[in-house]
C-alpha atoms as a PDB file:
ATOM      1  CA  MET A   1     -32.390  -7.143   5.888  1.00  0.00           C
ATOM      2  CA  ASN A   2     -31.921  -9.926   8.415  1.00  0.00           C
ATOM      3  CA  PRO A   3     -28.257 -10.492   9.300  1.00  0.00           C
ATOM      4  CA  GLU A   4     -29.181 -13.829  10.902  1.00  0.00           C
ATOM      5  CA  ASN A   5     -29.840 -15.595   7.586  1.00  0.00           C
ATOM      6  CA  LYS A   6     -28.154 -18.984   8.056  1.00  0.00           C
ATOM      7  CA  ASN A   7     -28.052 -19.796   4.334  1.00  0.00           C
ATOM      8  CA  LYS A   8     -25.649 -17.014   3.451  1.00  0.00           C
ATOM      9  CA  GLY A   9     -23.055 -17.515   0.766  1.00  0.00           C
ATOM     10  CA  LEU A  10     -19.394 -16.569   0.985  1.00  0.00           C
ATOM     11  CA  LEU A  11     -17.372 -13.617  -0.251  1.00  0.00           C
ATOM     12  CA  TYR A  12     -13.949 -14.488  -1.636  1.00  0.00           C
ATOM     13  CA  ILE A  13     -11.271 -11.814  -2.179  1.00  0.00           C
ATOM     14  CA  VAL A  14      -9.173 -13.341  -4.948  1.00  0.00           C
ATOM     15  CA  ALA A  15      -5.751 -12.115  -6.044  1.00  0.00           C
ATOM     16  CA  THR A  16      -4.960 -12.358  -9.753  1.00  0.00           C
ATOM     17  CA  PRO A  17      -1.623 -11.874 -11.587  1.00  0.00           C
ATOM     18  CA  ILE A  18      -0.073  -8.412 -11.908  1.00  0.00           C
ATOM     19  CA  GLY A  19       1.588  -9.372 -15.177  1.00  0.00           C
ATOM     20  CA  ASN A  20       2.841 -12.935 -15.494  1.00  0.00           C
ATOM     21  CA  LEU A  21      -0.191 -15.185 -15.997  1.00  0.00           C
ATOM     22  CA  ASP A  22       1.538 -18.053 -14.183  1.00  0.00           C
ATOM     23  CA  ASP A  23       1.370 -16.055 -10.940  1.00  0.00           C
ATOM     24  CA  ILE A  24      -2.016 -17.367  -9.854  1.00  0.00           C
ATOM     25  CA  THR A  25      -2.635 -20.067  -7.288  1.00  0.00           C
ATOM     26  CA  ALA A  26      -4.409 -23.362  -7.865  1.00  0.00           C
ATOM     27  CA  ARG A  27      -6.793 -22.381  -5.072  1.00  0.00           C
ATOM     28  CA  ALA A  28      -7.668 -19.117  -6.834  1.00  0.00           C
ATOM     29  CA  LEU A  29      -8.485 -20.977 -10.054  1.00  0.00           C
ATOM     30  CA  GLN A  30     -10.630 -23.470  -8.160  1.00  0.00           C
ATOM     31  CA  VAL A  31     -12.606 -20.695  -6.430  1.00  0.00           C
ATOM     32  CA  LEU A  32     -13.096 -18.732  -9.662  1.00  0.00           C
ATOM     33  CA  ARG A  33     -14.498 -21.849 -11.332  1.00  0.00           C
ATOM     34  CA  GLN A  34     -16.838 -22.749  -8.466  1.00  0.00           C
ATOM     35  CA  VAL A  35     -18.377 -19.446  -7.334  1.00  0.00           C
ATOM     36  CA  ASP A  36     -21.731 -18.306  -8.658  1.00  0.00           C
ATOM     37  CA  ILE A  37     -20.580 -14.803  -9.612  1.00  0.00           C
ATOM     38  CA  ILE A  38     -17.264 -13.049 -10.192  1.00  0.00           C
ATOM     39  CA  ALA A  39     -17.360  -9.331  -9.387  1.00  0.00           C
ATOM     40  CA  CYS A  40     -14.743  -7.466 -11.414  1.00  0.00           C
ATOM     41  CA  GLU A  41     -13.645  -3.962 -12.400  1.00  0.00           C
ATOM     42  CA  ASP A  42     -13.878  -4.502 -16.165  1.00  0.00           C
ATOM     43  CA  THR A  43     -15.853  -7.472 -17.463  1.00  0.00           C
ATOM     44  CA  ARG A  44     -14.062  -7.431 -20.836  1.00  0.00           C
ATOM     45  CA  HIS A  45     -10.599  -7.338 -19.282  1.00  0.00           C
ATOM     46  CA  SER A  46     -11.437 -10.025 -16.711  1.00  0.00           C
ATOM     47  CA  GLY A  47     -13.169 -12.113 -19.371  1.00  0.00           C
ATOM     48  CA  ARG A  48      -9.950 -12.233 -21.382  1.00  0.00           C
ATOM     49  CA  LEU A  49      -7.927 -12.991 -18.257  1.00  0.00           C
ATOM     50  CA  LEU A  50     -10.180 -15.856 -17.197  1.00  0.00           C
ATOM     51  CA  ALA A  51     -10.255 -17.250 -20.735  1.00  0.00           C
ATOM     52  CA  ASN A  52      -6.525 -17.933 -20.372  1.00  0.00           C
ATOM     53  CA  TYR A  53      -7.415 -20.434 -17.653  1.00  0.00           C
ATOM     54  CA  GLY A  54     -10.440 -21.869 -19.426  1.00  0.00           C
ATOM     55  CA  ILE A  55     -12.830 -20.303 -16.914  1.00  0.00           C
ATOM     56  CA  LYS A  56     -16.286 -19.344 -18.088  1.00  0.00           C
ATOM     57  CA  ASN A  57     -18.342 -17.886 -15.300  1.00  0.00           C
ATOM     58  CA  ARG A  58     -20.865 -15.132 -14.707  1.00  0.00           C
ATOM     59  CA  LEU A  59     -19.164 -11.736 -14.486  1.00  0.00           C
ATOM     60  CA  MET A  60     -20.697  -8.662 -12.915  1.00  0.00           C
ATOM     61  CA  SER A  61     -19.272  -5.159 -12.965  1.00  0.00           C
ATOM     62  CA  PHE A  62     -17.894  -3.738  -9.728  1.00  0.00           C
ATOM     63  CA  HIS A  63     -15.667  -0.662 -10.119  1.00  0.00           C
ATOM     64  CA  GLN A  64     -14.825   2.617  -8.389  1.00  0.00           C
ATOM     65  CA  HIS A  65     -17.747   4.457  -9.983  1.00  0.00           C
ATOM     66  CA  ASN A  66     -20.450   2.012  -8.859  1.00  0.00           C
ATOM     67  CA  GLU A  67     -19.001   0.205  -5.836  1.00  0.00           C
ATOM     68  CA  ASN A  68     -21.038   2.097  -3.245  1.00  0.00           C
ATOM     69  CA  GLU A  69     -24.317   1.327  -5.026  1.00  0.00           C
ATOM     70  CA  SER A  70     -23.343  -2.191  -6.083  1.00  0.00           C
ATOM     71  CA  ALA A  71     -22.124  -3.323  -2.666  1.00  0.00           C
ATOM     72  CA  ALA A  72     -25.658  -3.652  -1.279  1.00  0.00           C
ATOM     73  CA  LYS A  73     -26.760  -5.643  -4.344  1.00  0.00           C
ATOM     74  CA  PHE A  74     -23.919  -8.107  -3.962  1.00  0.00           C
ATOM     75  CA  ILE A  75     -24.608  -8.453  -0.248  1.00  0.00           C
ATOM     76  CA  ASP A  76     -28.235  -9.296  -1.026  1.00  0.00           C
ATOM     77  CA  LEU A  77     -27.091 -11.990  -3.464  1.00  0.00           C
ATOM     78  CA  ILE A  78     -24.722 -13.465  -0.868  1.00  0.00           C
ATOM     79  CA  ARG A  79     -27.485 -13.452   1.744  1.00  0.00           C
ATOM     80  CA  GLN A  80     -29.620 -15.405  -0.705  1.00  0.00           C
ATOM     81  CA  GLY A  81     -26.947 -18.121  -0.781  1.00  0.00           C
ATOM     82  CA  GLN A  82     -24.782 -17.020  -3.723  1.00  0.00           C
ATOM     83  CA  ASN A  83     -21.011 -17.342  -3.454  1.00  0.00           C
ATOM     84  CA  ILE A  84     -19.180 -14.353  -4.933  1.00  0.00           C
ATOM     85  CA  ALA A  85     -15.514 -13.810  -5.796  1.00  0.00           C
ATOM     86  CA  LEU A  86     -14.156 -10.275  -6.008  1.00  0.00           C
ATOM     87  CA  ILE A  87     -11.199  -9.672  -8.319  1.00  0.00           C
ATOM     88  CA  SER A  88      -9.482  -6.534  -9.566  1.00  0.00           C
ATOM     89  CA  ASP A  89      -7.887  -5.911 -12.959  1.00  0.00           C
ATOM     90  CA  ALA A  90      -4.570  -7.057 -11.503  1.00  0.00           C
ATOM     91  CA  GLY A  91      -3.196  -8.058  -8.126  1.00  0.00           C
ATOM     92  CA  THR A  92      -4.954  -8.153  -4.777  1.00  0.00           C
ATOM     93  CA  PRO A  93      -8.371  -6.432  -4.557  1.00  0.00           C
ATOM     94  CA  LEU A  94      -8.825  -3.393  -2.262  1.00  0.00           C
ATOM     95  CA  ILE A  95      -5.144  -2.414  -2.459  1.00  0.00           C
ATOM     96  CA  SER A  96      -5.683   0.874  -4.332  1.00  0.00           C
ATOM     97  CA  ASP A  97      -8.569  -0.940  -6.004  1.00  0.00           C
ATOM     98  CA  PRO A  98     -12.349  -1.151  -5.422  1.00  0.00           C
ATOM     99  CA  GLY A  99     -13.865  -3.350  -2.731  1.00  0.00           C
ATOM    100  CA  TYR A 100     -13.845  -1.532   0.597  1.00  0.00           C
ATOM    101  CA  PRO A 101     -17.627  -0.805   0.760  1.00  0.00           C
ATOM    102  CA  LEU A 102     -18.406  -4.422  -0.123  1.00  0.00           C
ATOM    103  CA  VAL A 103     -16.098  -5.990   2.456  1.00  0.00           C
ATOM    104  CA  LYS A 104     -17.174  -3.510   5.134  1.00  0.00           C
ATOM    105  CA  LEU A 105     -20.827  -4.332   4.508  1.00  0.00           C
ATOM    106  CA  ALA A 106     -20.083  -8.062   4.500  1.00  0.00           C
ATOM    107  CA  HIS A 107     -18.692  -7.825   8.018  1.00  0.00           C
ATOM    108  CA  GLU A 108     -21.695  -5.804   9.143  1.00  0.00           C
ATOM    109  CA  TYR A 109     -23.946  -8.666   7.985  1.00  0.00           C
ATOM    110  CA  ASP A 110     -21.705 -11.345   9.471  1.00  0.00           C
ATOM    111  CA  ILE A 111     -20.843 -12.720   6.041  1.00  0.00           C
ATOM    112  CA  LYS A 112     -17.662 -14.755   5.937  1.00  0.00           C
ATOM    113  CA  VAL A 113     -14.907 -13.046   3.930  1.00  0.00           C
ATOM    114  CA  ILE A 114     -12.191 -15.384   2.687  1.00  0.00           C
ATOM    115  CA  PRO A 115      -8.839 -14.153   1.298  1.00  0.00           C
ATOM    116  CA  ILE A 116      -7.372 -16.089  -1.603  1.00  0.00           C
ATOM    117  CA  VAL A 117      -3.849 -14.762  -1.501  1.00  0.00           C
ATOM    118  CA  GLY A 118      -1.553 -14.067  -4.416  1.00  0.00           C
ATOM    119  CA  ALA A 119       0.278 -11.342  -6.296  1.00  0.00           C
ATOM    120  CA  SER A 120       0.723  -7.846  -4.892  1.00  0.00           C
ATOM    121  CA  ALA A 121       2.965  -5.227  -6.504  1.00  0.00           C
ATOM    122  CA  ILE A 122       3.740  -3.688  -3.121  1.00  0.00           C
ATOM    123  CA  ILE A 123       5.025  -6.903  -1.560  1.00  0.00           C
ATOM    124  CA  ALA A 124       6.784  -7.934  -4.773  1.00  0.00           C
ATOM    125  CA  LEU A 125       8.875  -4.754  -4.797  1.00  0.00           C
ATOM    126  CA  LEU A 126       9.531  -4.656  -1.057  1.00  0.00           C
ATOM    127  CA  SER A 127      10.764  -8.253  -1.052  1.00  0.00           C
ATOM    128  CA  CYS A 128      13.556  -7.485  -3.514  1.00  0.00           C
ATOM    129  CA  SER A 129      14.119  -3.778  -2.790  1.00  0.00           C
ATOM    130  CA  GLY A 130      17.039  -4.087  -0.425  1.00  0.00           C
ATOM    131  CA  LEU A 131      15.307  -1.618   1.900  1.00  0.00           C
ATOM    132  CA  ALA A 132      14.174  -2.316   5.459  1.00  0.00           C
ATOM    133  CA  THR A 133      10.834  -4.150   5.524  1.00  0.00           C
ATOM    134  CA  ASN A 134      10.248  -4.546   9.252  1.00  0.00           C
ATOM    135  CA  GLU A 135       8.135  -1.369   9.026  1.00  0.00           C
ATOM    136  CA  PHE A 136       6.600   0.085   5.889  1.00  0.00           C
ATOM    137  CA  HIS A 137       3.804   2.477   4.904  1.00  0.00           C
ATOM    138  CA  PHE A 138       1.727   2.324   1.712  1.00  0.00           C
ATOM    139  CA  TYR A 139       0.135   5.418   0.191  1.00  0.00           C
ATOM    140  CA  GLY A 140      -1.235   4.280  -3.176  1.00  0.00           C
ATOM    141  CA  PHE A 141      -1.227   6.983  -5.853  1.00  0.00           C
ATOM    142  CA  LEU A 142      -0.226  10.457  -4.714  1.00  0.00           C
ATOM    143  CA  ALA A 143      -2.058  13.617  -5.782  1.00  0.00           C
ATOM    144  CA  ALA A 144      -1.960  14.607  -9.449  1.00  0.00           C
ATOM    145  CA  LYS A 145      -1.156  18.250  -8.699  1.00  0.00           C
ATOM    146  CA  GLN A 146       2.397  19.121  -7.707  1.00  0.00           C
ATOM    147  CA  LYS A 147       1.634  21.226  -4.627  1.00  0.00           C
ATOM    148  CA  GLN A 148      -0.536  18.539  -3.001  1.00  0.00           C
ATOM    149  CA  ARG A 149       1.921  15.818  -4.031  1.00  0.00           C
ATOM    150  CA  GLN A 150       4.833  17.659  -2.416  1.00  0.00           C
ATOM    151  CA  GLU A 151       2.786  18.181   0.742  1.00  0.00           C
ATOM    152  CA  GLN A 152       2.095  14.432   0.863  1.00  0.00           C
ATOM    153  CA  LEU A 153       5.784  13.645   0.327  1.00  0.00           C
ATOM    154  CA  SER A 154       6.723  16.074   3.081  1.00  0.00           C
ATOM    155  CA  ARG A 155       4.497  14.150   5.507  1.00  0.00           C
ATOM    156  CA  ILE A 156       5.854  10.848   4.195  1.00  0.00           C
ATOM    157  CA  SER A 157       9.399  12.046   4.892  1.00  0.00           C
ATOM    158  CA  GLU A 158       8.600  11.994   8.624  1.00  0.00           C
ATOM    159  CA  ASN A 159       7.975   8.229   8.596  1.00  0.00           C
ATOM    160  CA  SER A 160      10.307   5.912  10.447  1.00  0.00           C
ATOM    161  CA  GLY A 161       9.868   3.073   7.938  1.00  0.00           C
ATOM    162  CA  THR A 162      10.074   2.459   4.195  1.00  0.00           C
ATOM    163  CA  SER A 163       7.324   4.196   2.220  1.00  0.00           C
ATOM    164  CA  VAL A 164       5.717   2.720  -0.899  1.00  0.00           C
ATOM    165  CA  ILE A 165       3.703   4.561  -3.545  1.00  0.00           C
ATOM    166  CA  TYR A 166       2.225   3.865  -6.959  1.00  0.00           C
ATOM    167  CA  GLU A 167       2.803   6.166  -9.923  1.00  0.00           C
ATOM    168  CA  SER A 168       1.621   6.392 -13.514  1.00  0.00           C
ATOM    169  CA  THR A 169       3.616   6.615 -16.722  1.00  0.00           C
ATOM    170  CA  HIS A 170       2.393  10.195 -17.228  1.00  0.00           C
ATOM    171  CA  ARG A 171       3.758  11.496 -13.906  1.00  0.00           C
ATOM    172  CA  ILE A 172       6.741   9.307 -13.088  1.00  0.00           C
ATOM    173  CA  ILE A 173       9.412  11.934 -13.852  1.00  0.00           C
ATOM    174  CA  LYS A 174       7.486  14.712 -12.080  1.00  0.00           C
ATOM    175  CA  CYS A 175       7.044  12.488  -9.046  1.00  0.00           C
ATOM    176  CA  LEU A 176      10.737  11.551  -8.943  1.00  0.00           C
ATOM    177  CA  LYS A 177      11.698  15.233  -9.078  1.00  0.00           C
ATOM    178  CA  ASP A 178       9.304  15.994  -6.235  1.00  0.00           C
ATOM    179  CA  ILE A 179      10.884  13.194  -4.187  1.00  0.00           C
ATOM    180  CA  GLU A 180      14.284  14.751  -4.879  1.00  0.00           C
ATOM    181  CA  SER A 181      13.088  18.179  -3.721  1.00  0.00           C
ATOM    182  CA  ILE A 182      11.727  16.779  -0.438  1.00  0.00           C
ATOM    183  CA  PHE A 183      14.219  14.018   0.398  1.00  0.00           C
ATOM    184  CA  GLY A 184      17.373  15.237  -1.354  1.00  0.00           C
ATOM    185  CA  ALA A 185      19.312  14.136  -4.424  1.00  0.00           C
ATOM    186  CA  GLU A 186      21.272  11.399  -2.624  1.00  0.00           C
ATOM    187  CA  HIS A 187      18.308   9.768  -0.918  1.00  0.00           C
ATOM    188  CA  ILE A 188      17.897   6.097  -1.845  1.00  0.00           C
ATOM    189  CA  ILE A 189      14.758   4.879  -3.612  1.00  0.00           C
ATOM    190  CA  VAL A 190      13.815   1.733  -5.498  1.00  0.00           C
ATOM    191  CA  MET A 191      11.777   1.738  -8.693  1.00  0.00           C
ATOM    192  CA  GLY A 192       9.754  -1.252  -9.824  1.00  0.00           C
ATOM    193  CA  ARG A 193       8.398  -0.980 -13.374  1.00  0.00           C
ATOM    194  CA  GLU A 194       6.188  -3.536 -15.121  1.00  0.00           C
ATOM    195  CA  LEU A 195       6.735  -6.026 -12.297  1.00  0.00           C
ATOM    196  CA  THR A 196       6.627  -9.709 -13.340  1.00  0.00           C
ATOM    197  CA  LYS A 197       6.253  -8.724 -17.009  1.00  0.00           C
ATOM    198  CA  THR A 198       8.702  -9.335 -19.853  1.00  0.00           C
ATOM    199  CA  PHE A 199      10.446  -5.961 -19.598  1.00  0.00           C
ATOM    200  CA  GLU A 200      10.467  -5.697 -15.810  1.00  0.00           C
ATOM    201  CA  THR A 201      12.757  -3.134 -14.182  1.00  0.00           C
ATOM    202  CA  ILE A 202      13.861  -3.162 -10.543  1.00  0.00           C
ATOM    203  CA  LYS A 203      16.484  -0.557  -9.736  1.00  0.00           C
ATOM    204  CA  GLN A 204      17.849   0.891  -6.506  1.00  0.00           C
ATOM    205  CA  ALA A 205      19.623   4.248  -6.742  1.00  0.00           C
ATOM    206  CA  PRO A 206      19.891   7.770  -5.309  1.00  0.00           C
ATOM    207  CA  VAL A 207      16.986   9.908  -6.522  1.00  0.00           C
ATOM    208  CA  ALA A 208      19.114  12.105  -8.819  1.00  0.00           C
ATOM    209  CA  GLU A 209      20.597   9.040 -10.507  1.00  0.00           C
ATOM    210  CA  MET A 210      17.125   7.508 -10.892  1.00  0.00           C
ATOM    211  CA  ILE A 211      15.819  10.663 -12.561  1.00  0.00           C
ATOM    212  CA  ALA A 212      18.677  10.610 -15.081  1.00  0.00           C
ATOM    213  CA  TYR A 213      18.113   6.894 -15.700  1.00  0.00           C
ATOM    214  CA  VAL A 214      14.430   7.394 -16.486  1.00  0.00           C
ATOM    215  CA  GLU A 215      14.803  10.648 -18.446  1.00  0.00           C
ATOM    216  CA  THR A 216      17.429   9.218 -20.801  1.00  0.00           C
ATOM    217  CA  ASP A 217      15.512   6.032 -21.644  1.00  0.00           C
ATOM    218  CA  ALA A 218      12.001   6.421 -23.045  1.00  0.00           C
ATOM    219  CA  ASN A 219      11.281   2.760 -22.318  1.00  0.00           C
ATOM    220  CA  GLN A 220      11.775   3.418 -18.586  1.00  0.00           C
ATOM    221  CA  GLN A 221       8.975   5.981 -18.724  1.00  0.00           C
ATOM    222  CA  LYS A 222       6.360   3.456 -19.826  1.00  0.00           C
ATOM    223  CA  GLY A 223       4.256   1.050 -17.816  1.00  0.00           C
ATOM    224  CA  GLU A 224       3.098   0.745 -14.227  1.00  0.00           C
ATOM    225  CA  PHE A 225       5.373   1.946 -11.434  1.00  0.00           C
ATOM    226  CA  VAL A 226       5.890   1.150  -7.764  1.00  0.00           C
ATOM    227  CA  LEU A 227       8.346   3.289  -5.806  1.00  0.00           C
ATOM    228  CA  ALA A 228       9.866   2.410  -2.447  1.00  0.00           C
ATOM    229  CA  ILE A 229      11.435   5.287  -0.515  1.00  0.00           C
ATOM    230  CA  GLN A 230      14.017   4.608   2.155  1.00  0.00           C
ATOM    231  CA  ALA A 231      13.218   6.117   5.549  1.00  0.00           C
ATOM    232  CA  LYS A 232      15.144   9.261   6.404  1.00  0.00           C
ATOM    233  CA  GLU A 233      17.880   8.692   8.943  1.00  0.00           C
ATOM    234  CA  VAL A 234      16.968  10.257  12.243  1.00  0.00           C
ATOM    235  CA  VAL A 235      19.785  12.390  13.586  1.00  0.00           C
ATOM    236  CA  LEU A 236      19.668  12.445  17.358  1.00  0.00           C
ATOM    237  CA  SER A 237      20.291  15.735  19.055  1.00  0.00           C
ATOM    238  CA  THR A 238      23.612  16.123  20.854  1.00  0.00           C
ATOM    239  CA  GLN A 239      22.433  19.270  22.610  1.00  0.00           C
ATOM    240  CA  LEU A 240      18.994  19.437  24.159  1.00  0.00           C
ATOM    241  CA  THR A 241      16.560  21.955  22.730  1.00  0.00           C
ATOM    242  CA  THR A 242      14.265  24.103  24.842  1.00  0.00           C
ATOM    243  CA  GLN A 243      11.348  21.902  23.851  1.00  0.00           C
ATOM    244  CA  GLN A 244      13.176  18.733  24.896  1.00  0.00           C
ATOM    245  CA  LYS A 245      14.136  20.246  28.244  1.00  0.00           C
ATOM    246  CA  GLN A 246      10.596  21.451  28.936  1.00  0.00           C
ATOM    247  CA  LEU A 247       9.051  18.077  28.140  1.00  0.00           C
ATOM    248  CA  ALA A 248      11.654  16.234  30.199  1.00  0.00           C
ATOM    249  CA  LEU A 249      11.004  18.342  33.290  1.00  0.00           C
ATOM    250  CA  LEU A 250       7.237  18.143  32.827  1.00  0.00           C
ATOM    251  CA  LEU A 251       7.313  14.348  32.630  1.00  0.00           C
ATOM    252  CA  ALA A 252       9.774  14.105  35.513  1.00  0.00           C
ATOM    253  CA  LYS A 253       7.117  15.593  37.785  1.00  0.00           C
ATOM    254  CA  GLU A 254       4.864  12.596  37.080  1.00  0.00           C
ATOM    255  CA  MET A 255       7.295   9.689  36.791  1.00  0.00           C
ATOM    256  CA  ALA A 256      10.809   8.422  37.475  1.00  0.00           C
ATOM    257  CA  PRO A 257      13.645  10.340  35.753  1.00  0.00           C
ATOM    258  CA  LYS A 258      14.717   7.341  33.702  1.00  0.00           C
ATOM    259  CA  LYS A 259      11.216   6.823  32.303  1.00  0.00           C
ATOM    260  CA  ALA A 260      10.765  10.555  31.665  1.00  0.00           C
ATOM    261  CA  ALA A 261      14.073  10.605  29.777  1.00  0.00           C
ATOM    262  CA  LYS A 262      13.112   7.608  27.679  1.00  0.00           C
ATOM    263  CA  LEU A 263       9.754   9.092  26.663  1.00  0.00           C
ATOM    264  CA  THR A 264      11.264  12.473  25.850  1.00  0.00           C
ATOM    265  CA  ALA A 265      13.954  10.825  23.733  1.00  0.00           C
ATOM    266  CA  GLU A 266      11.381   8.790  21.799  1.00  0.00           C
ATOM    267  CA  PHE A 267       9.012  11.672  21.102  1.00  0.00           C
ATOM    268  CA  LEU A 268      11.560  14.385  20.332  1.00  0.00           C
ATOM    269  CA  ASN A 269      14.488  12.419  18.864  1.00  0.00           C
ATOM    270  CA  ALA A 270      16.955  13.037  21.657  1.00  0.00           C
ATOM    271  CA  LYS A 271      19.525  10.853  23.362  1.00  0.00           C
ATOM    272  CA  SER A 272      17.979   9.263  26.417  1.00  0.00           C
ATOM    273  CA  LYS A 273      21.200   9.473  28.441  1.00  0.00           C
ATOM    274  CA  GLU A 274      21.548  13.217  27.803  1.00  0.00           C
ATOM    275  CA  VAL A 275      17.944  13.831  28.800  1.00  0.00           C
ATOM    276  CA  TYR A 276      18.392  11.783  31.968  1.00  0.00           C
ATOM    277  CA  ASN A 277      21.541  13.684  32.938  1.00  0.00           C
ATOM    278  CA  TYR A 278      19.724  16.959  32.372  1.00  0.00           C
ATOM    279  CA  ILE A 279      16.789  15.905  34.587  1.00  0.00           C
ATOM    280  CA  ILE A 280      18.913  14.835  37.523  1.00  0.00           C
ATOM    281  CA  SER A 281      21.005  18.011  37.277  1.00  0.00           C
ATOM    282  CA  GLN A 282      17.972  20.217  37.892  1.00  0.00           C
END
């Protein structure tokens, strides 16, 4: 393969609706009509979706079971001058959906990758969650087995920002109960169900209240779920631990007391002033 081929085509990453068919951009429709090939997870599903917009184009399968093998084939087609659009069943490709091997390979061959932005369940929920969005972490679907899922949630609980996960209709109650066991019954979460669809649910509540809400309404157990988990409040120590003291003194040997105090406070959740006072008292 010669990465210097000057007649290369383009790779478009095209977002499609997550529910409401009106949530697609004019630019996305234009690209989907003009490209040579549309790579999609399910040709039948995407065929029906595109038919809503009067788009008839060549569809080729690209899903999680063949993406590693198919990526090279699509790259060859692009290098021959074909323009390809990648779509997922819903939303923005690569966000818990296939596409990573293809985009990675495209960059390796200096193929231009163009995002055609649009719907994303993560951003949709965050924007109306009422939780802090200046920092957030996305984890996709958690493990199916409880032990691994609780271990993941335990690590998530250490985050300083809002955490977002996907969950299925079959595990939503189990997942909520695991969140309760790790974060506590009063911890605030936001549930987005069937976002942008007719029976959309967006609810903010303590975990225990959310569990009761879902358990008592069978309709709230159906569909596709996005959960946003509020970051745990960090309680700063009012009395320095042995570990905090040791780190403070170690750093103070290499830098000014004020800087050593600041770093210790950041890494070990202490009050900078208390650390500083301890350093200068030694």
